[in-house]
C-alpha atoms as a PDB file:
ATOM      1  CA  MET A   1      28.344  16.099 -19.936  1.00  0.00           C
ATOM      2  CA  ASP A   2      24.648  15.316 -20.355  1.00  0.00           C
ATOM      3  CA  VAL A   3      23.074  12.827 -17.998  1.00  0.00           C
ATOM      4  CA  VAL A   4      19.830  11.167 -18.981  1.00  0.00           C
ATOM      5  CA  VAL A   5      17.772   9.679 -16.193  1.00  0.00           C
ATOM      6  CA  ALA A   6      14.947   7.313 -17.036  1.00  0.00           C
ATOM      7  CA  ALA A   7      11.808   8.738 -15.503  1.00  0.00           C
ATOM      8  CA  ARG A   8       8.863   6.669 -14.430  1.00  0.00           C
ATOM      9  CA  LYS A   9       6.041   7.017 -16.905  1.00  0.00           C
ATOM     10  CA  GLN A  10       3.477   9.318 -15.350  1.00  0.00           C
ATOM     11  CA  SER A  11      -0.144   8.413 -15.802  1.00  0.00           C
ATOM     12  CA  ALA A  12      -3.312   9.677 -14.219  1.00  0.00           C
ATOM     13  CA  PRO A  13      -3.544   8.474 -10.621  1.00  0.00           C
ATOM     14  CA  PRO A  14      -6.112   5.731 -10.019  1.00  0.00           C
ATOM     15  CA  VAL A  15      -9.376   7.038  -8.579  1.00  0.00           C
ATOM     16  CA  VAL A  16     -11.885   4.972  -6.615  1.00  0.00           C
ATOM     17  CA  ARG A  17     -15.430   6.338  -6.480  1.00  0.00           C
ATOM     18  CA  ILE A  18     -16.955   5.646  -3.072  1.00  0.00           C
ATOM     19  CA  ASP A  19     -20.246   7.386  -3.782  1.00  0.00           C
ATOM     20  CA  ARG A  20     -21.545  10.338  -5.796  1.00  0.00           C
ATOM     21  CA  ASP A  21     -19.630  12.931  -3.781  1.00  0.00           C
ATOM     22  CA  THR A  22     -16.653  10.936  -2.514  1.00  0.00           C
ATOM     23  CA  ARG A  23     -13.590   9.719  -4.349  1.00  0.00           C
ATOM     24  CA  VAL A  24     -10.194   8.413  -3.311  1.00  0.00           C
ATOM     25  CA  SER A  25      -7.076   9.123  -5.382  1.00  0.00           C
ATOM     26  CA  ILE A  26      -3.985   6.932  -5.257  1.00  0.00           C
ATOM     27  CA  ARG A  27      -0.613   8.662  -5.603  1.00  0.00           C
ATOM     28  CA  PRO A  28       3.053   8.206  -4.632  1.00  0.00           C
ATOM     29  CA  ILE A  29       3.867   9.061  -1.046  1.00  0.00           C
ATOM     30  CA  GLU A  30       5.547  12.401  -0.338  1.00  0.00           C
ATOM     31  CA  ARG A  31       7.518  13.654   2.644  1.00  0.00           C
ATOM     32  CA  SER A  32       4.685  16.098   3.356  1.00  0.00           C
ATOM     33  CA  ASP A  33       2.359  13.119   4.006  1.00  0.00           C
ATOM     34  CA  ALA A  34       3.961  12.380   7.411  1.00  0.00           C
ATOM     35  CA  SER A  35       1.310  14.119   9.506  1.00  0.00           C
ATOM     36  CA  GLY A  36      -1.628  12.635   7.564  1.00  0.00           C
ATOM     37  CA  LEU A  37      -0.048   9.186   7.652  1.00  0.00           C
ATOM     38  CA  SER A  38       0.486   9.482  11.400  1.00  0.00           C
ATOM     39  CA  ASP A  39      -3.201  10.370  11.824  1.00  0.00           C
ATOM     40  CA  PHE A  40      -4.144   7.453   9.562  1.00  0.00           C
ATOM     41  CA  TYR A  41      -2.235   4.883  11.641  1.00  0.00           C
ATOM     42  CA  ALA A  42      -3.463   6.422  14.917  1.00  0.00           C
ATOM     43  CA  ALA A  43      -7.071   5.939  13.757  1.00  0.00           C
ATOM     44  CA  LEU A  44      -6.674   2.297  12.649  1.00  0.00           C
ATOM     45  CA  SER A  45      -8.362  -0.242  14.898  1.00  0.00           C
ATOM     46  CA  PRO A  46      -6.134  -2.615  16.861  1.00  0.00           C
ATOM     47  CA  GLU A  47      -7.239  -5.457  14.547  1.00  0.00           C
ATOM     48  CA  SER A  48      -6.339  -3.526  11.381  1.00  0.00           C
ATOM     49  CA  LYS A  49      -2.925  -2.661  12.856  1.00  0.00           C
ATOM     50  CA  ARG A  50      -2.398  -6.291  13.871  1.00  0.00           C
ATOM     51  CA  ARG A  51      -3.127  -7.469  10.331  1.00  0.00           C
ATOM     52  CA  ARG A  52      -0.965  -4.787   8.711  1.00  0.00           C
ATOM     53  CA  PHE A  53       2.048  -5.301  10.973  1.00  0.00           C
ATOM     54  CA  LEU A  54       1.551  -9.007  11.807  1.00  0.00           C
ATOM     55  CA  GLY A  55       1.259  -8.291  15.498  1.00  0.00           C
ATOM     56  CA  GLN A  56       2.005  -5.372  17.766  1.00  0.00           C
ATOM     57  CA  VAL A  57       3.743  -2.287  16.492  1.00  0.00           C
ATOM     58  CA  GLY A  58       6.885  -1.271  18.357  1.00  0.00           C
ATOM     59  CA  ARG A  59       6.945   2.328  17.103  1.00  0.00           C
ATOM     60  CA  SER A  60       4.635   5.241  17.675  1.00  0.00           C
ATOM     61  CA  ASP A  61       2.295   6.236  14.859  1.00  0.00           C
ATOM     62  CA  ARG A  62       4.403   9.369  14.342  1.00  0.00           C
ATOM     63  CA  ALA A  63       7.672   7.398  14.107  1.00  0.00           C
ATOM     64  CA  LEU A  64       6.067   4.959  11.642  1.00  0.00           C
ATOM     65  CA  ALA A  65       4.819   7.799   9.459  1.00  0.00           C
ATOM     66  CA  GLU A  66       8.206   9.485   9.454  1.00  0.00           C
ATOM     67  CA  ALA A  67       9.945   6.238   8.509  1.00  0.00           C
ATOM     68  CA  PHE A  68       7.489   5.595   5.686  1.00  0.00           C
ATOM     69  CA  THR A  69       7.749   9.116   4.265  1.00  0.00           C
ATOM     70  CA  GLU A  70      11.560   9.078   4.331  1.00  0.00           C
ATOM     71  CA  ARG A  71      11.407   6.384   1.671  1.00  0.00           C
ATOM     72  CA  VAL A  72       9.855   8.450  -1.113  1.00  0.00           C
ATOM     73  CA  GLY A  73       9.309   6.237  -4.135  1.00  0.00           C
ATOM     74  CA  GLU A  74       8.643   3.198  -1.973  1.00  0.00           C
ATOM     75  CA  GLY A  75       5.026   3.800  -1.123  1.00  0.00           C
ATOM     76  CA  LEU A  76       1.604   5.003  -2.137  1.00  0.00           C
ATOM     77  CA  VAL A  77      -1.168   6.799  -0.305  1.00  0.00           C
ATOM     78  CA  ALA A  78      -4.908   6.861  -0.872  1.00  0.00           C
ATOM     79  CA  ILE A  79      -6.217  10.401  -0.409  1.00  0.00           C
ATOM     80  CA  LEU A  80      -9.859  11.175   0.330  1.00  0.00           C
ATOM     81  CA  GLY A  81     -11.572  13.711  -1.888  1.00  0.00           C
ATOM     82  CA  GLU A  82     -14.908  14.948  -0.576  1.00  0.00           C
ATOM     83  CA  ALA A  83     -16.499  18.146   0.593  1.00  0.00           C
ATOM     84  CA  GLY A  84     -15.988  18.523   4.315  1.00  0.00           C
ATOM     85  CA  PRO A  85     -13.386  18.448   7.048  1.00  0.00           C
ATOM     86  CA  ASP A  86     -11.883  15.083   6.026  1.00  0.00           C
ATOM     87  CA  ASP A  87     -11.035  16.196   2.481  1.00  0.00           C
ATOM     88  CA  GLY A  88      -7.391  15.346   1.811  1.00  0.00           C
ATOM     89  CA  ALA A  89      -7.138  12.750   4.601  1.00  0.00           C
ATOM     90  CA  VAL A  90      -5.033   9.626   4.110  1.00  0.00           C
ATOM     91  CA  VAL A  91      -7.392   6.624   4.014  1.00  0.00           C
ATOM     92  CA  GLY A  92      -4.970   4.009   2.694  1.00  0.00           C
ATOM     93  CA  HIS A  93      -1.257   3.256   2.503  1.00  0.00           C
ATOM     94  CA  ALA A  94       0.868   0.766   0.600  1.00  0.00           C
ATOM     95  CA  THR A  95       4.561   0.189   1.155  1.00  0.00           C
ATOM     96  CA  ILE A  96       6.792  -1.096  -1.622  1.00  0.00           C
ATOM     97  CA  HIS A  97      10.228  -2.350  -0.576  1.00  0.00           C
ATOM     98  CA  PRO A  98      12.401  -3.641  -3.455  1.00  0.00           C
ATOM     99  CA  ASP A  99      14.616  -6.510  -2.354  1.00  0.00           C
ATOM    100  CA  GLY A 100      17.298  -6.190  -5.038  1.00  0.00           C
ATOM    101  CA  ASP A 101      16.411  -9.571  -6.535  1.00  0.00           C
ATOM    102  CA  GLY A 102      13.746  -8.594  -9.086  1.00  0.00           C
ATOM    103  CA  SER A 103      10.938  -8.413  -6.556  1.00  0.00           C
ATOM    104  CA  ALA A 104       9.512  -6.133  -3.907  1.00  0.00           C
ATOM    105  CA  GLU A 105       7.589  -6.688  -0.706  1.00  0.00           C
ATOM    106  CA  VAL A 106       4.202  -4.964  -0.698  1.00  0.00           C
ATOM    107  CA  ALA A 107       2.025  -4.284   2.356  1.00  0.00           C
ATOM    108  CA  VAL A 108      -1.323  -2.487   2.440  1.00  0.00           C
ATOM    109  CA  ALA A 109      -3.576  -0.890   5.051  1.00  0.00           C
ATOM    110  CA  VAL A 110      -6.954   0.792   4.515  1.00  0.00           C
ATOM    111  CA  ALA A 111      -8.866   2.900   7.030  1.00  0.00           C
ATOM    112  CA  ASP A 112     -11.484   0.838   8.853  1.00  0.00           C
ATOM    113  CA  GLY A 113     -14.445   2.822   7.522  1.00  0.00           C
ATOM    114  CA  PHE A 114     -13.224   2.483   3.928  1.00  0.00           C
ATOM    115  CA  GLN A 115     -12.395  -1.219   3.771  1.00  0.00           C
ATOM    116  CA  HIS A 116     -14.111  -3.427   1.154  1.00  0.00           C
ATOM    117  CA  ARG A 117     -14.749  -0.467  -1.158  1.00  0.00           C
ATOM    118  CA  GLY A 118     -11.987  -0.984  -3.750  1.00  0.00           C
ATOM    119  CA  ILE A 119      -9.229   1.081  -2.165  1.00  0.00           C
ATOM    120  CA  GLY A 120      -7.028  -1.914  -1.325  1.00  0.00           C
ATOM    121  CA  SER A 121      -7.420  -3.210  -4.889  1.00  0.00           C
ATOM    122  CA  ALA A 122      -6.484   0.209  -6.282  1.00  0.00           C
ATOM    123  CA  LEU A 123      -3.413   0.402  -4.011  1.00  0.00           C
ATOM    124  CA  VAL A 124      -2.248  -3.088  -5.015  1.00  0.00           C
ATOM    125  CA  GLY A 125      -2.904  -2.306  -8.701  1.00  0.00           C
ATOM    126  CA  ALA A 126      -0.908   0.938  -8.477  1.00  0.00           C
ATOM    127  CA  ALA A 127       1.900  -0.914  -6.663  1.00  0.00           C
ATOM    128  CA  VAL A 128       2.007  -3.523  -9.434  1.00  0.00           C
ATOM    129  CA  SER A 129       2.161  -0.742 -12.057  1.00  0.00           C
ATOM    130  CA  GLN A 130       5.081   0.785 -10.177  1.00  0.00           C
ATOM    131  CA  LEU A 131       6.831  -2.585  -9.973  1.00  0.00           C
ATOM    132  CA  HIS A 132       6.385  -3.104 -13.726  1.00  0.00           C
ATOM    133  CA  GLY A 133       7.720   0.412 -14.370  1.00  0.00           C
ATOM    134  CA  ASP A 134      10.774  -0.401 -12.254  1.00  0.00           C
ATOM    135  CA  GLY A 135      11.360  -3.642 -14.180  1.00  0.00           C
ATOM    136  CA  LEU A 136      10.441  -5.902 -11.250  1.00  0.00           C
ATOM    137  CA  THR A 137       8.694  -9.190 -11.954  1.00  0.00           C
ATOM    138  CA  ARG A 138       7.627 -10.476  -8.539  1.00  0.00           C
ATOM    139  CA  LEU A 139       5.651  -9.230  -5.577  1.00  0.00           C
ATOM    140  CA  THR A 140       6.093 -10.727  -2.126  1.00  0.00           C
ATOM    141  CA  ALA A 141       3.858 -10.297   0.894  1.00  0.00           C
ATOM    142  CA  SER A 142       3.585 -11.549   4.456  1.00  0.00           C
ATOM    143  CA  LEU A 143       0.134 -11.883   5.957  1.00  0.00           C
ATOM    144  CA  PHE A 144      -1.819 -13.854   8.496  1.00  0.00           C
ATOM    145  CA  ALA A 145      -3.012 -17.073   6.904  1.00  0.00           C
ATOM    146  CA  ASP A 146      -6.632 -16.169   7.734  1.00  0.00           C
ATOM    147  CA  ASN A 147      -6.454 -12.789   5.915  1.00  0.00           C
ATOM    148  CA  ALA A 148      -8.589 -13.915   2.960  1.00  0.00           C
ATOM    149  CA  PRO A 149      -9.318 -10.385   1.616  1.00  0.00           C
ATOM    150  CA  MET A 150      -5.597  -9.587   1.250  1.00  0.00           C
ATOM    151  CA  ARG A 151      -4.891 -12.995  -0.260  1.00  0.00           C
ATOM    152  CA  ARG A 152      -7.615 -12.402  -2.879  1.00  0.00           C
ATOM    153  CA  LEU A 153      -6.116  -9.006  -3.759  1.00  0.00           C
ATOM    154  CA  LEU A 154      -2.704 -10.576  -4.277  1.00  0.00           C
ATOM    155  CA  MET A 155      -3.974 -13.500  -6.321  1.00  0.00           C
ATOM    156  CA  ALA A 156      -5.793 -11.107  -8.669  1.00  0.00           C
ATOM    157  CA  VAL A 157      -2.533  -9.522  -9.902  1.00  0.00           C
ATOM    158  CA  GLY A 158      -0.549 -12.574 -10.977  1.00  0.00           C
ATOM    159  CA  ARG A 159       0.306 -16.229 -10.618  1.00  0.00           C
ATOM    160  CA  ILE A 160       1.393 -17.668  -7.276  1.00  0.00           C
ATOM    161  CA  GLN A 161       5.055 -18.627  -7.489  1.00  0.00           C
ATOM    162  CA  SER A 162       5.383 -19.770  -3.890  1.00  0.00           C
ATOM    163  CA  ASP A 163       3.101 -19.905  -0.900  1.00  0.00           C
ATOM    164  CA  GLN A 164       4.272 -21.053   2.515  1.00  0.00           C
ATOM    165  CA  ILE A 165       2.405 -21.035   5.800  1.00  0.00           C
ATOM    166  CA  HIS A 166       4.285 -21.265   9.110  1.00  0.00           C
ATOM    167  CA  ALA A 167       2.704 -20.729  12.528  1.00  0.00           C
ATOM    168  CA  GLY A 168      -0.305 -18.922  11.058  1.00  0.00           C
ATOM    169  CA  THR A 169       1.717 -16.540   8.885  1.00  0.00           C
ATOM    170  CA  GLU A 170       1.695 -16.840   5.100  1.00  0.00           C
ATOM    171  CA  GLU A 171       4.622 -15.826   2.898  1.00  0.00           C
ATOM    172  CA  ILE A 172       3.412 -15.491  -0.669  1.00  0.00           C
ATOM    173  CA  THR A 173       5.281 -14.640  -3.876  1.00  0.00           C
ATOM    174  CA  ILE A 174       3.331 -13.576  -6.934  1.00  0.00           C
ATOM    175  CA  GLN A 175       4.805 -13.703 -10.446  1.00  0.00           C
ATOM    176  CA  LEU A 176       3.536 -10.574 -12.179  1.00  0.00           C
END
């Protein structure tokens, strides 16, 4: 018996040029990313962690990384490419959690020193491409209502289907 499995269309990973000698490549997360992802979350400032996790994190950076890398296919990493000791470091992470109802929740974090340089946009764009490839039509996200940069990223990928703010937290659904 032959079994045919639909494979996700592979395309070149998005690349963000930071400067002449530095680039960041976006690719699907792999189990081998656990150590780099742990280092990434350990290096995030308390404010960046607060925004990513909507408050305090109950798990260690190592436990978070292991949980994220167990779910291969449900995340992306941004990998630094530059000459030097940081080559290959994780500088961004996006989680993609399908909800079984035609949508997926997406969350993004970018290393403090690399924010506002296009990495978050590239991660969201790659997440949207993955959602399209999986046949999903909506993206959902939870964020602090004052997180204007993340809100702008989300609004750039589709039309707002719903947007609710409760106690300073915004729940937004984007129709792709």
